[in-house]
Amino acid sequence: MDKTYGISVRSVLEMEVLQGAKLIAGRGGLDRVVTSMNVMEVPDIIDWVSGGELIVTTAYSIKDDVEKLVELVPALNSRGVVGLGIKPKRYIRETPQAVINAANALSFPIFEIPPEVSFSKIITPVLTTIVNNQAQVLMDIYDLQKSLTATMLSGGNLQAITQTLHNRYGNSVAIYNEFFSSYVISATYSRRDAIYRQMENCVRDNSGERHGSDNALSWRELCKVDGRECSKITVPIYSDKKLYGYIFMWEDNREVTSVDQAVIEASTSLIALEMLKKISLFEMENNHKVSFLDDLLVNDELSQRKALANAEYFDFDIEAIHQVAVVQVINSHNSLSLSNGALYKMNNNIVRVLRRLSRSASYKLLFVNKCDNIVLVFEQSSRSPALCKQEVSQFMEVFGKALADDGLLEFISIGIGRAYPDTADLWKSCSEAKRAAGCGSVGGVRVHYFEDMGVYRFLSCDTLQNELQSFYTETLKVLVDYDRDHDSELVRTLQTYFKCGGNLKKLAEELGVHYNTVAYRIQRIKELAGVSFDNADQLLNLQIALKIYDVQRDR
C-alpha cells in the first residue's frame, strides 16, 4: 500500500519550496512514487537506503570523487530509490555528464536544489503530504468497510455488496464467486447487458485469474463495454491465502485511482466472509443431502423410509422416475496423485462444472460430493425409461465436453445406472452406476451406461473380484509379465487379433508390422499361454481375461 499514499517525484518538484529546482536527468521517471526521504551524508549510503526513498545531498561525502556518482546512480536505482536531489555549487561545481547519461538511461530523476533551500524545508512538506495521504486512504478504507459491514449486518448478500460498490464509485461492478462459478453485477441499465455478456464469458473461461500474477493485489486490462474501450480492474478476493473469487470494476464512468484500488483491496476480506458464509451453508446442505442419499440408495427398507420422510425437504418427487450416475476420480497410468487434498480439489472442480450446467438443465438434478465420488440423481416426470436415457445422454454429452474443456475428463470415469420408476429400487441404479464407473477408461471412453456394458456388467461385480483375479492370473498374466520383462507387445497384439477377427493380414496392417512378425507373436502367445487358437473355449477365456485386464488396469 506504500505506493498508494506516496507522492510522485513530479509532485515533489511542483511544490512551492522547489519552484527554483532544475531537473537535469531522468525525466522518464517523474511518476516514480516517493514514500520516504533520506539524506546522503556518507559515501556508502547504498547500505542505508530502501525502496521508495527520495535522497537529497550536498555531495559533500563525494566532493573529492564526484565520478563516484556514475557507479552510485545504478546502485541506488537497483535498491528502489526513486530519485536524487543535489545541491550544486557549494561542494561540486556541476553534475558530471556521465552521471546525467547514466540517469537518463535508467529514467532515474536527478534534480538540482536551489542553494538557499534547506533540506528540512523539503522533507517536512513531502512527509506531511505522505502522512496525509496515508490518513486519507485509511479513512476511505474505514468508510467503505463501514458501508459493507452495515450492508452485511442488515442481511445484504453479494448483490447488495456489489450495489454498494457501484453506488460509491459510479462504475459497473461485478463479483465472481469462484466456488460456485456464479456472479452478481451492478451497472446502469444501458450497460447491464454488456457487463452480463462479459461475465458469462468469464464463467465459461472459469474466471479471470489467468490474467494476473500470483503476487498481484489487483491488475487492470483494456476491454470494451458496448464497443467503447475502457479499463477493467480485477481484484482477487483472498482470505487466509485461499482464493474465493474476484471483484471486477470497469472504468466506464470515471477513473479508478490507485487509492480507490487500495481501498477496494483492503475490503476484500469482508467480502470473503460473505462468500465463506454461503459456502458453509452449502456444505451443511451438502452434508444433509449426503445423509439423505445414503439412506435412499441402500437396500434397506427402514433407511429408505427414513429418507422418503424427508423427500419434500429436498424437493424429491417420489412419483417421478429416477436414475443414478456416479463420477469417480481414477488414477489411470499413475497420471494423478490421489492424496486427500488432490482428490478434494478435483471433486470440487467437477462439482463446480455440475453446478454451472444444472442451472440450465430441463429436469431436476440432485448431486452431492461424497469425497471418494460424486453421486448424481436425475429426476424426470416422464415414465419412459428410454426417454429418460435420451435426456441423460444429452446432459452427459454436454457434461463430458465441459470437463474436457477444463482438463478434468482424463482423470475421471462416469457410470450411469438404469432408470427405475420405483424409488425402492433406486439402490440398484446406484450399485450399477458404481460398477460402471469402476470400469475406468475401458474401450477408450469415460462414460459408461450399465445397460450397454455387455460382459463388463459381470466383470464389475464386487463379489466376483477374487475369482476374476484368479482367472486372469491363470490365463493372461503370463503374457502381461512377459511384455513387462521383455518390452514386447504380446497383449496388444492379442487385443488387436480379436479386433481384426483373427485375420493375420489385417492384424499386421493394423499394427504396422510385417506379416511374419505377427505370425511369430501369435505363435509365442500360444506357447506362453498354453492355448490353441483352434479351441473356441480357450480363445473365449483369453478374451474374457483381456476384459478383466482392462477393468483392473484403471482401478
Protein backbone atom coordinates (compact mmCIF):
# COMPACT_ATOMS: atom_id res chain seq x y z
CA MET A 1 0.00 0.00 0.00
CA ASP A 2 3.02 2.35 0.37
CA LYS A 3 2.79 3.48 -3.24
CA THR A 4 -0.87 4.34 -2.76
CA TYR A 5 -0.30 7.05 -0.20
CA GLY A 6 3.07 8.17 -1.58
CA ILE A 7 3.68 11.20 -3.78
CA SER A 8 5.25 11.25 -7.24
CA VAL A 9 8.63 12.84 -7.91
CA ARG A 10 6.80 15.14 -10.32
CA SER A 11 4.55 16.36 -7.49
CA VAL A 12 7.55 16.93 -5.24
CA LEU A 13 9.15 19.16 -7.89
CA GLU A 14 5.89 21.09 -8.24
CA MET A 15 5.88 22.03 -4.54
CA GLU A 16 6.31 25.72 -3.84
CA VAL A 17 9.54 25.16 -1.91
CA LEU A 18 11.15 23.64 -5.03
CA GLN A 19 9.95 26.20 -7.59
CA GLY A 20 13.59 27.02 -8.36
CA ALA A 21 14.68 23.38 -8.72
CA LYS A 22 16.03 22.20 -12.07
CA LEU A 23 15.54 18.66 -13.42
CA ILE A 24 18.77 17.66 -15.13
CA ALA A 25 18.20 13.94 -15.84
CA GLY A 26 15.70 11.07 -15.73
CA ARG A 27 12.55 12.82 -16.96
CA GLY A 28 11.03 9.43 -17.78
CA GLY A 29 10.97 8.55 -14.08
CA LEU A 30 8.99 11.53 -12.79
CA ASP A 31 6.00 9.30 -11.98
CA ARG A 32 8.03 7.21 -9.55
CA VAL A 33 6.39 7.25 -6.14
CA VAL A 34 8.14 8.74 -3.09
CA THR A 35 7.19 7.05 0.20
CA SER A 36 10.01 8.43 2.39
CA MET A 37 13.11 10.68 2.27
CA ASN A 38 16.75 10.29 3.21
CA VAL A 39 19.84 12.49 3.34
CA MET A 40 23.13 11.25 1.90
CA GLU A 41 25.89 12.11 4.36
CA VAL A 42 28.27 9.20 3.73
CA PRO A 43 29.68 7.72 0.52
CA ASP A 44 28.44 4.20 1.39
CA ILE A 45 24.79 5.39 1.51
CA ILE A 46 23.76 2.32 -0.51
CA ASP A 47 23.79 0.24 2.70
CA TRP A 48 21.25 2.54 4.35
CA VAL A 49 18.58 3.11 1.70
CA SER A 50 15.31 1.33 0.95
CA GLY A 51 12.74 1.29 -1.82
CA GLY A 52 10.61 4.38 -2.36
CA GLU A 53 13.13 6.82 -0.88
CA LEU A 54 13.96 10.19 -2.42
CA ILE A 55 17.53 11.16 -1.47
CA VAL A 56 18.82 14.70 -1.08
CA THR A 57 22.51 15.57 -0.70
CA THR A 58 25.08 18.35 -0.78
CA ALA A 59 27.51 15.80 -2.30
CA TYR A 60 29.98 16.65 0.46
CA SER A 61 30.78 12.97 1.08
CA ILE A 62 31.95 12.53 -2.53
CA LYS A 63 33.30 16.03 -3.26
CA ASP A 64 36.77 14.64 -3.85
CA ASP A 65 35.47 11.86 -6.13
CA VAL A 66 32.41 13.19 -7.94
CA GLU A 67 32.74 10.47 -10.58
CA LYS A 68 31.63 8.02 -7.87
CA LEU A 69 28.09 9.15 -8.74
CA VAL A 70 28.41 7.24 -12.01
CA GLU A 71 28.51 3.99 -10.01
CA LEU A 72 26.14 5.21 -7.30
CA VAL A 73 23.17 6.02 -9.57
CA PRO A 74 22.68 2.44 -10.90
CA ALA A 75 23.17 1.07 -7.38
CA LEU A 76 20.54 3.41 -5.92
CA ASN A 77 18.18 2.59 -8.76
CA SER A 78 18.56 -1.15 -8.17
CA ARG A 79 17.65 -0.68 -4.48
CA GLY A 80 14.39 1.07 -5.44
CA VAL A 81 15.46 4.64 -4.70
CA VAL A 82 13.19 6.89 -6.78
CA GLY A 83 15.39 9.94 -7.31
CA LEU A 84 18.25 12.16 -6.19
CA GLY A 85 18.28 15.89 -5.32
CA ILE A 86 21.70 17.58 -5.35
CA LYS A 87 22.76 20.99 -4.06
CA PRO A 88 25.43 22.09 -6.55
CA LYS A 89 27.96 24.94 -6.40
CA ARG A 90 28.94 24.52 -2.77
CA TYR A 91 30.91 21.24 -2.90
CA ILE A 92 30.66 20.31 -6.57
CA ARG A 93 30.55 22.81 -9.42
CA GLU A 94 28.26 20.75 -11.67
CA THR A 95 26.92 17.25 -12.15
CA PRO A 96 29.20 15.26 -14.49
CA GLN A 97 27.76 14.45 -17.92
CA ALA A 98 28.48 10.75 -17.38
CA VAL A 99 26.17 10.80 -14.34
CA ILE A 100 23.43 12.53 -16.35
CA ASN A 101 23.78 9.96 -19.13
CA ALA A 102 23.55 7.06 -16.66
CA ALA A 103 20.45 8.58 -15.01
CA ASN A 104 18.74 9.19 -18.37
CA ALA A 105 19.38 5.60 -19.42
CA LEU A 106 17.64 4.38 -16.23
CA SER A 107 14.95 7.11 -16.15
CA PHE A 108 16.32 7.93 -12.70
CA PRO A 109 15.36 11.54 -11.83
CA ILE A 110 18.18 13.86 -10.71
CA PHE A 111 17.40 17.48 -9.91
CA GLU A 112 19.39 20.43 -8.61
CA ILE A 113 18.13 22.06 -5.41
CA PRO A 114 18.41 25.86 -5.08
CA PRO A 115 21.32 26.70 -2.71
CA GLU A 116 19.12 28.74 -0.36
CA VAL A 117 16.61 25.89 0.26
CA SER A 118 17.34 23.82 3.37
CA PHE A 119 16.64 20.10 3.38
CA SER A 120 14.17 20.44 6.24
CA LYS A 121 12.01 22.76 4.09
CA ILE A 122 11.80 19.98 1.50
CA ILE A 123 11.46 16.97 3.81
CA THR A 124 8.71 18.44 6.01
CA PRO A 125 6.07 19.12 3.29
CA VAL A 126 6.87 15.87 1.46
CA LEU A 127 6.47 13.71 4.57
CA THR A 128 3.40 15.71 5.63
CA THR A 129 1.78 15.01 2.26
CA ILE A 130 2.62 11.32 2.53
CA VAL A 131 1.18 11.08 6.05
CA ASN A 132 -1.95 12.98 4.99
CA ASN A 133 -2.39 10.67 2.01
CA GLN A 134 -1.99 7.68 4.27
CA ALA A 135 -4.58 9.06 6.68
CA GLN A 136 -6.97 9.68 3.79
CA VAL A 137 -6.53 6.14 2.49
CA LEU A 138 -7.15 4.72 5.95
CA MET A 139 -10.24 6.91 6.30
CA ASP A 140 -11.54 5.76 2.89
CA ILE A 141 -10.91 2.14 3.87
CA TYR A 142 -12.76 2.69 7.12
CA ASP A 143 -15.71 4.34 5.32
CA LEU A 144 -16.02 1.53 2.74
CA GLN A 145 -15.68 -1.21 5.33
CA LYS A 146 -18.27 0.56 7.48
CA SER A 147 -20.67 0.65 4.50
CA LEU A 148 -20.02 -3.01 3.64
CA THR A 149 -20.43 -4.07 7.28
CA ALA A 150 -23.73 -2.20 7.51
CA THR A 151 -24.87 -3.88 4.30
CA MET A 152 -23.96 -7.34 5.60
CA LEU A 153 -25.46 -6.78 9.07
CA SER A 154 -28.73 -5.73 7.50
CA GLY A 155 -28.88 -9.09 5.71
CA GLY A 156 -27.38 -7.91 2.43
CA ASN A 157 -25.88 -10.55 0.15
CA LEU A 158 -23.25 -10.29 -2.59
CA GLN A 159 -25.73 -8.47 -4.81
CA ALA A 160 -26.17 -5.78 -2.15
CA ILE A 161 -22.39 -5.55 -1.68
CA THR A 162 -21.96 -5.09 -5.43
CA GLN A 163 -24.58 -2.35 -5.38
CA THR A 164 -22.71 -0.63 -2.53
CA LEU A 165 -19.51 -0.56 -4.60
CA HIS A 166 -21.41 0.66 -7.66
CA ASN A 167 -23.01 3.49 -5.67
CA ARG A 168 -19.68 4.53 -4.20
CA TYR A 169 -17.59 4.59 -7.39
CA GLY A 170 -20.23 5.04 -10.09
CA ASN A 171 -18.68 2.32 -12.30
CA SER A 172 -20.04 -1.03 -13.41
CA VAL A 173 -19.13 -3.72 -10.84
CA ALA A 174 -19.32 -7.50 -10.73
CA ILE A 175 -18.34 -10.03 -8.09
CA TYR A 176 -17.43 -13.54 -9.22
CA ASN A 177 -17.73 -16.44 -6.78
CA GLU A 178 -15.02 -18.97 -7.59
CA PHE A 179 -16.58 -21.77 -5.50
CA PHE A 180 -20.00 -21.62 -7.14
CA SER A 181 -18.89 -20.36 -10.58
CA SER A 182 -21.55 -17.67 -10.18
CA TYR A 183 -21.60 -13.89 -10.29
CA VAL A 184 -23.63 -10.79 -9.49
CA ILE A 185 -23.46 -7.45 -11.30
CA SER A 186 -24.44 -3.87 -10.66
CA ALA A 187 -24.43 -1.44 -13.57
CA THR A 188 -26.52 1.24 -15.18
CA TYR A 189 -29.42 -0.09 -17.23
CA SER A 190 -27.76 0.81 -20.54
CA ARG A 191 -24.61 -1.18 -19.74
CA ARG A 192 -26.12 -4.14 -17.90
CA ASP A 193 -26.36 -6.40 -20.95
CA ALA A 194 -22.75 -5.72 -21.96
CA ILE A 195 -21.48 -6.48 -18.44
CA TYR A 196 -23.68 -9.57 -18.31
CA ARG A 197 -22.10 -10.88 -21.54
CA GLN A 198 -18.60 -10.27 -20.21
CA MET A 199 -19.38 -12.20 -17.03
CA GLU A 200 -20.89 -15.08 -18.98
CA ASN A 201 -17.59 -15.33 -20.85
CA CYS A 202 -15.78 -15.17 -17.51
CA VAL A 203 -17.79 -18.13 -16.20
CA ARG A 204 -17.21 -20.04 -19.42
CA ASP A 205 -13.46 -19.39 -19.14
CA ASN A 206 -13.52 -20.30 -15.42
CA SER A 207 -12.81 -16.77 -14.11
CA GLY A 208 -10.15 -14.18 -14.96
CA GLU A 209 -7.36 -15.33 -12.67
CA ARG A 210 -5.02 -16.30 -15.51
CA HIS A 211 -4.57 -12.64 -16.45
CA GLY A 212 -2.92 -11.69 -13.18
CA SER A 213 0.24 -12.75 -11.39
CA ASP A 214 0.35 -14.65 -8.13
CA ASN A 215 1.77 -11.62 -6.31
CA ALA A 216 -0.60 -9.00 -7.70
CA LEU A 217 -3.15 -7.50 -5.31
CA SER A 218 -5.04 -6.25 -8.36
CA TRP A 219 -4.44 -5.54 -12.00
CA ARG A 220 -6.05 -3.75 -14.93
CA GLU A 221 -6.53 -4.61 -18.57
CA LEU A 222 -8.19 -2.96 -21.56
CA CYS A 223 -11.58 -4.23 -22.68
CA LYS A 224 -14.68 -2.92 -24.45
CA VAL A 225 -18.09 -2.16 -22.99
CA ASP A 226 -20.72 -1.63 -25.69
CA GLY A 227 -17.97 -1.00 -28.22
CA ARG A 228 -16.31 1.62 -26.06
CA GLU A 229 -12.79 0.89 -24.84
CA CYS A 230 -12.16 1.19 -21.12
CA SER A 231 -10.04 -0.40 -18.41
CA LYS A 232 -11.25 -3.26 -16.24
CA ILE A 233 -9.74 -3.60 -12.77
CA THR A 234 -9.60 -7.10 -11.30
CA VAL A 235 -9.21 -7.53 -7.55
CA PRO A 236 -8.78 -11.11 -6.24
CA ILE A 237 -10.72 -11.94 -3.08
CA TYR A 238 -8.46 -13.83 -0.67
CA SER A 239 -8.87 -14.93 2.92
CA ASP A 240 -6.23 -16.94 4.76
CA LYS A 241 -4.34 -17.36 1.43
CA LYS A 242 -7.37 -19.03 -0.15
CA LEU A 243 -8.92 -17.57 -3.30
CA TYR A 244 -12.70 -17.09 -3.09
CA GLY A 245 -13.35 -15.03 -6.19
CA TYR A 246 -12.84 -11.67 -7.87
CA ILE A 247 -14.16 -8.13 -7.89
CA PHE A 248 -14.34 -6.65 -11.39
CA MET A 249 -14.75 -2.91 -11.89
CA TRP A 250 -14.96 -1.25 -15.29
CA GLU A 251 -13.85 2.38 -15.70
CA ASP A 252 -16.97 3.13 -17.76
CA ASN A 253 -17.94 6.21 -15.75
CA ARG A 254 -14.82 7.52 -14.00
CA GLU A 255 -11.17 6.66 -13.42
CA VAL A 256 -10.33 4.24 -10.64
CA THR A 257 -7.34 5.75 -8.87
CA SER A 258 -4.58 3.84 -7.10
CA VAL A 259 -6.17 4.99 -3.83
CA ASP A 260 -9.52 3.52 -4.94
CA GLN A 261 -7.81 0.23 -5.78
CA ALA A 262 -6.08 0.11 -2.40
CA VAL A 263 -9.37 0.78 -0.60
CA ILE A 264 -11.14 -1.99 -2.52
CA GLU A 265 -8.23 -4.39 -1.96
CA ALA A 266 -8.33 -3.72 1.78
CA SER A 267 -12.05 -4.54 1.88
CA THR A 268 -11.90 -7.93 0.17
CA SER A 269 -11.63 -9.80 3.48
CA LEU A 270 -15.14 -8.64 4.38
CA ILE A 271 -16.48 -9.84 1.04
CA ALA A 272 -14.65 -13.14 1.57
CA LEU A 273 -16.58 -13.53 4.84
CA GLU A 274 -19.87 -13.27 2.98
CA MET A 275 -18.68 -15.84 0.46
CA LEU A 276 -17.45 -18.12 3.24
CA LYS A 277 -20.85 -17.92 4.92
CA LYS A 278 -22.55 -19.02 1.71
CA ILE A 279 -20.03 -21.83 1.21
CA SER A 280 -20.55 -23.02 4.80
CA LEU A 281 -24.32 -23.10 4.26
CA PHE A 282 -23.79 -25.03 1.03
CA GLU A 283 -21.54 -27.58 2.72
CA MET A 284 -24.07 -28.04 5.52
CA GLU A 285 -26.75 -28.60 2.92
CA ASN A 286 -24.43 -30.99 1.06
CA ASN A 287 -23.94 -33.00 4.28
CA HIS A 288 -27.72 -33.24 4.67
CA LYS A 289 -28.01 -34.36 1.05
CA VAL A 290 -25.33 -36.99 1.63
CA SER A 291 -27.28 -38.37 4.61
CA PHE A 292 -30.49 -38.31 2.58
CA LEU A 293 -28.96 -40.19 -0.37
CA ASP A 294 -27.11 -42.61 1.89
CA ASP A 295 -30.46 -43.67 3.32
CA LEU A 296 -32.26 -43.59 -0.02
CA LEU A 297 -29.72 -45.55 -2.06
CA VAL A 298 -29.30 -48.64 0.15
CA ASN A 299 -31.20 -51.90 0.05
CA ASP A 300 -32.74 -51.36 3.46
CA GLU A 301 -36.45 -50.65 3.84
CA LEU A 302 -36.09 -48.82 7.18
CA SER A 303 -33.39 -46.46 5.83
CA GLN A 304 -35.39 -45.81 2.67
CA ARG A 305 -38.46 -44.97 4.72
CA LYS A 306 -36.39 -42.50 6.77
CA ALA A 307 -35.12 -40.85 3.57
CA LEU A 308 -38.57 -40.59 1.96
CA ALA A 309 -39.90 -38.90 5.09
CA ASN A 310 -37.51 -36.03 4.24
CA ALA A 311 -38.12 -36.13 0.48
CA GLU A 312 -40.15 -32.92 0.46
CA TYR A 313 -37.30 -31.03 2.16
CA PHE A 314 -35.04 -31.90 -0.80
CA ASP A 315 -37.80 -31.32 -3.37
CA PHE A 316 -37.57 -35.01 -4.25
CA ASP A 317 -40.63 -36.32 -6.10
CA ILE A 318 -41.19 -39.95 -5.11
CA GLU A 319 -43.67 -40.35 -8.02
CA ALA A 320 -41.09 -39.42 -10.67
CA ILE A 321 -38.66 -41.75 -12.42
CA HIS A 322 -35.05 -41.59 -11.24
CA GLN A 323 -31.63 -42.60 -12.49
CA VAL A 324 -28.29 -42.53 -10.67
CA ALA A 325 -24.87 -41.60 -12.03
CA VAL A 326 -21.53 -41.75 -10.23
CA VAL A 327 -18.46 -39.66 -11.08
CA GLN A 328 -15.27 -41.25 -9.82
CA VAL A 329 -11.72 -39.95 -9.98
CA ILE A 330 -9.40 -42.65 -11.28
CA ASN A 331 -5.63 -42.98 -11.25
CA SER A 332 -5.17 -44.07 -14.83
CA HIS A 333 -1.50 -44.80 -15.63
CA ASN A 334 -0.47 -43.02 -12.39
CA SER A 335 -1.27 -39.67 -14.01
CA LEU A 336 -2.73 -38.25 -10.80
CA SER A 337 -1.53 -38.44 -7.22
CA LEU A 338 -4.68 -39.23 -5.29
CA SER A 339 -3.83 -37.55 -2.00
CA ASN A 340 -6.77 -36.36 0.06
CA GLY A 341 -6.06 -32.76 -0.91
CA ALA A 342 -5.80 -33.53 -4.63
CA LEU A 343 -8.98 -35.62 -4.56
CA TYR A 344 -10.89 -32.89 -2.67
CA LYS A 345 -9.77 -30.23 -5.13
CA MET A 346 -10.56 -32.41 -8.14
CA ASN A 347 -14.06 -33.19 -6.85
CA ASN A 348 -14.70 -29.51 -6.09
CA ASN A 349 -13.78 -28.61 -9.67
CA ILE A 350 -16.16 -31.28 -11.00
CA VAL A 351 -18.96 -30.07 -8.71
CA ARG A 352 -18.34 -26.53 -9.95
CA VAL A 353 -18.99 -27.70 -13.53
CA LEU A 354 -22.11 -29.58 -12.42
CA ARG A 355 -23.39 -26.54 -10.60
CA ARG A 356 -22.99 -24.44 -13.71
CA LEU A 357 -24.72 -26.92 -16.02
CA SER A 358 -27.54 -27.84 -13.66
CA ARG A 359 -28.84 -24.27 -13.76
CA SER A 360 -29.93 -24.74 -17.37
CA ALA A 361 -30.99 -28.42 -17.17
CA SER A 362 -34.58 -29.25 -18.17
CA TYR A 363 -35.04 -31.62 -15.22
CA LYS A 364 -34.16 -31.82 -11.56
CA LEU A 365 -30.63 -32.88 -10.74
CA LEU A 366 -29.62 -33.70 -7.19
CA PHE A 367 -25.88 -34.17 -6.68
CA VAL A 368 -23.55 -34.48 -3.70
CA ASN A 369 -19.81 -34.57 -3.18
CA LYS A 370 -19.00 -37.65 -1.09
CA CYS A 371 -15.22 -37.11 -1.27
CA ASP A 372 -14.47 -40.54 -2.76
CA ASN A 373 -17.01 -39.93 -5.55
CA ILE A 374 -19.80 -37.65 -6.69
CA VAL A 375 -23.34 -39.03 -6.83
CA LEU A 376 -25.98 -37.60 -9.18
CA VAL A 377 -29.68 -38.42 -9.16
CA PHE A 378 -31.65 -37.44 -12.26
CA GLU A 379 -35.37 -36.86 -11.69
CA GLN A 380 -37.78 -36.77 -14.60
CA SER A 381 -41.54 -36.64 -14.79
CA SER A 382 -41.57 -38.86 -17.88
CA ARG A 383 -42.33 -42.51 -17.08
CA SER A 384 -40.45 -43.73 -20.15
CA PRO A 385 -37.01 -45.17 -19.31
CA ALA A 386 -35.98 -44.77 -22.97
CA LEU A 387 -36.80 -41.04 -22.93
CA CYS A 388 -35.01 -40.68 -19.60
CA LYS A 389 -31.89 -42.29 -21.03
CA GLN A 390 -32.03 -39.99 -24.05
CA GLU A 391 -32.17 -36.85 -21.90
CA VAL A 392 -29.45 -38.12 -19.54
CA SER A 393 -27.28 -38.93 -22.58
CA GLN A 394 -27.69 -35.37 -23.84
CA PHE A 395 -26.69 -33.98 -20.44
CA MET A 396 -23.68 -36.31 -20.23
CA GLU A 397 -22.51 -35.20 -23.66
CA VAL A 398 -22.51 -31.56 -22.52
CA PHE A 399 -21.03 -32.52 -19.14
CA GLY A 400 -18.23 -34.52 -20.75
CA LYS A 401 -17.36 -31.65 -23.10
CA ALA A 402 -17.27 -29.18 -20.20
CA LEU A 403 -14.99 -31.49 -18.22
CA ALA A 404 -12.73 -31.94 -21.23
CA ASP A 405 -12.54 -28.16 -21.74
CA ASP A 406 -11.45 -27.79 -18.09
CA GLY A 407 -8.87 -30.60 -18.43
CA LEU A 408 -10.75 -32.86 -15.99
CA LEU A 409 -12.18 -35.60 -18.19
CA GLU A 410 -8.95 -37.59 -18.46
CA PHE A 411 -8.91 -38.11 -14.68
CA ILE A 412 -12.44 -39.43 -14.19
CA SER A 413 -14.83 -42.20 -15.05
CA ILE A 414 -18.62 -41.81 -15.08
CA GLY A 415 -21.02 -44.69 -14.53
CA ILE A 416 -24.77 -44.46 -15.15
CA GLY A 417 -27.26 -46.95 -13.75
CA ARG A 418 -30.62 -47.81 -15.24
CA ALA A 419 -33.75 -45.71 -14.68
CA TYR A 420 -36.23 -47.05 -12.09
CA PRO A 421 -39.82 -45.87 -11.64
CA ASP A 422 -39.99 -47.17 -8.07
CA THR A 423 -37.78 -45.39 -5.52
CA ALA A 424 -37.47 -48.64 -3.56
CA ASP A 425 -35.34 -49.95 -6.46
CA LEU A 426 -33.15 -46.85 -6.76
CA TRP A 427 -30.35 -48.53 -4.82
CA LYS A 428 -29.97 -50.86 -7.80
CA SER A 429 -29.30 -47.88 -10.10
CA CYS A 430 -26.68 -46.62 -7.64
CA SER A 431 -24.97 -50.01 -7.46
CA GLU A 432 -24.96 -50.26 -11.25
CA ALA A 433 -23.55 -46.75 -11.61
CA LYS A 434 -20.70 -47.51 -9.18
CA ARG A 435 -19.85 -50.72 -11.02
CA ALA A 436 -19.88 -48.90 -14.36
CA ALA A 437 -17.71 -46.06 -13.02
CA GLY A 438 -15.26 -48.66 -11.71
CA CYS A 439 -14.53 -49.71 -15.30
CA GLY A 440 -12.39 -46.58 -15.76
CA SER A 441 -11.43 -45.87 -19.35
CA VAL A 442 -12.30 -49.29 -20.77
CA GLY A 443 -12.84 -49.05 -24.51
CA GLY A 444 -11.29 -45.60 -24.57
CA VAL A 445 -14.46 -43.95 -23.18
CA ARG A 446 -15.09 -42.26 -19.86
CA VAL A 447 -18.88 -42.51 -19.69
CA HIS A 448 -20.33 -46.00 -19.19
CA TYR A 449 -24.05 -46.89 -19.25
CA PHE A 450 -24.53 -50.04 -17.23
CA GLU A 451 -27.16 -51.47 -19.55
CA ASP A 452 -24.78 -51.08 -22.53
CA MET A 453 -21.71 -52.63 -20.89
CA GLY A 454 -22.27 -56.19 -22.07
CA VAL A 455 -19.91 -58.65 -20.38
CA TYR A 456 -18.45 -55.86 -18.24
CA ARG A 457 -21.69 -55.92 -16.23
CA PHE A 458 -20.46 -59.20 -14.79
CA LEU A 459 -16.78 -58.34 -14.66
CA SER A 460 -17.51 -55.28 -12.49
CA CYS A 461 -19.40 -57.29 -9.86
CA ASP A 462 -17.65 -56.84 -6.48
CA THR A 463 -18.45 -60.35 -5.23
CA LEU A 464 -16.66 -61.88 -8.24
CA GLN A 465 -13.43 -59.91 -7.96
CA ASN A 466 -11.38 -62.62 -6.22
CA GLU A 467 -12.49 -65.25 -8.72
CA LEU A 468 -11.87 -62.91 -11.64
CA GLN A 469 -8.37 -62.17 -10.35
CA SER A 470 -7.62 -65.88 -10.18
CA PHE A 471 -8.99 -66.38 -13.69
CA TYR A 472 -6.81 -63.56 -15.03
CA THR A 473 -3.72 -64.96 -13.27
CA GLU A 474 -4.31 -68.39 -14.79
CA THR A 475 -4.83 -67.15 -18.36
CA LEU A 476 -3.32 -63.79 -19.25
CA LYS A 477 -0.87 -62.75 -16.53
CA VAL A 478 1.97 -64.70 -18.12
CA LEU A 479 1.70 -62.51 -21.25
CA VAL A 480 1.50 -59.27 -19.23
CA ASP A 481 4.60 -60.26 -17.26
CA TYR A 482 6.45 -61.25 -20.45
CA ASP A 483 5.67 -57.86 -22.05
CA ARG A 484 6.95 -56.07 -18.95
CA ASP A 485 10.16 -58.06 -18.76
CA HIS A 486 10.95 -58.10 -22.48
CA ASP A 487 9.44 -54.79 -23.59
CA SER A 488 7.27 -56.64 -26.09
CA GLU A 489 3.67 -56.21 -27.26
CA LEU A 490 2.05 -59.62 -26.98
CA VAL A 491 -1.00 -58.34 -25.06
CA ARG A 492 -1.61 -55.53 -27.54
CA THR A 493 -1.17 -58.00 -30.40
CA LEU A 494 -3.74 -60.32 -28.82
CA GLN A 495 -6.22 -57.48 -28.30
CA THR A 496 -5.83 -56.38 -31.92
CA TYR A 497 -6.11 -60.01 -33.09
CA PHE A 498 -9.64 -60.24 -31.70
CA LYS A 499 -10.46 -56.79 -33.03
CA CYS A 500 -9.44 -57.95 -36.54
CA GLY A 501 -11.46 -61.15 -36.29
CA GLY A 502 -8.36 -63.36 -36.36
CA ASN A 503 -7.24 -62.08 -39.78
CA LEU A 504 -3.42 -62.01 -39.58
CA LYS A 505 -3.01 -59.88 -42.70
CA LYS A 506 -5.36 -57.24 -41.31
CA LEU A 507 -3.64 -57.57 -37.93
CA ALA A 508 -0.24 -56.81 -39.48
CA GLU A 509 -1.66 -53.74 -41.22
CA GLU A 510 -3.32 -52.52 -38.02
CA LEU A 511 -0.09 -52.85 -36.03
CA GLY A 512 2.08 -51.54 -38.86
CA VAL A 513 4.43 -54.53 -38.81
CA HIS A 514 5.39 -57.33 -41.20
CA TYR A 515 3.10 -60.35 -41.55
CA ASN A 516 5.88 -62.66 -40.33
CA THR A 517 6.19 -60.55 -37.14
CA VAL A 518 2.55 -61.04 -36.16
CA ALA A 519 2.74 -64.72 -37.05
CA TYR A 520 5.71 -65.07 -34.70
CA ARG A 521 3.93 -63.14 -31.93
CA ILE A 522 0.80 -65.30 -32.21
CA GLN A 523 2.93 -68.43 -32.00
CA ARG A 524 4.70 -67.03 -28.91
CA ILE A 525 1.31 -66.26 -27.30
CA LYS A 526 0.17 -69.84 -27.89
CA GLU A 527 3.35 -71.22 -26.32
CA LEU A 528 3.40 -68.95 -23.27
CA ALA A 529 -0.36 -69.14 -22.52
CA GLY A 530 -0.57 -72.82 -23.41
CA VAL A 531 -3.60 -72.36 -25.66
CA SER A 532 -4.72 -73.49 -29.08
CA PHE A 533 -6.37 -70.90 -31.29
CA ASP A 534 -8.39 -73.75 -32.80
CA ASN A 535 -10.10 -74.24 -29.43
CA ALA A 536 -13.05 -71.82 -29.16
CA ASP A 537 -13.30 -72.17 -25.37
CA GLN A 538 -9.64 -71.30 -24.86
CA LEU A 539 -9.98 -68.27 -27.16
CA LEU A 540 -13.05 -67.15 -25.20
CA ASN A 541 -11.07 -67.46 -21.98
CA LEU A 542 -8.38 -65.16 -23.41
CA GLN A 543 -10.99 -62.62 -24.50
CA ILE A 544 -12.57 -62.57 -21.05
CA ALA A 545 -9.14 -62.28 -19.41
CA LEU A 546 -8.33 -59.29 -21.62
CA LYS A 547 -11.51 -57.57 -20.46
CA ILE A 548 -10.64 -58.28 -16.82
CA TYR A 549 -7.22 -56.78 -17.55
CA ASP A 550 -8.87 -53.64 -18.99
CA VAL A 551 -11.04 -53.17 -15.91
CA GLN A 552 -8.31 -53.80 -13.34
CA ARG A 553 -5.77 -51.59 -15.09
CA ASP A 554 -7.77 -48.43 -14.19
CA ARG A 555 -8.60 -49.43 -10.63
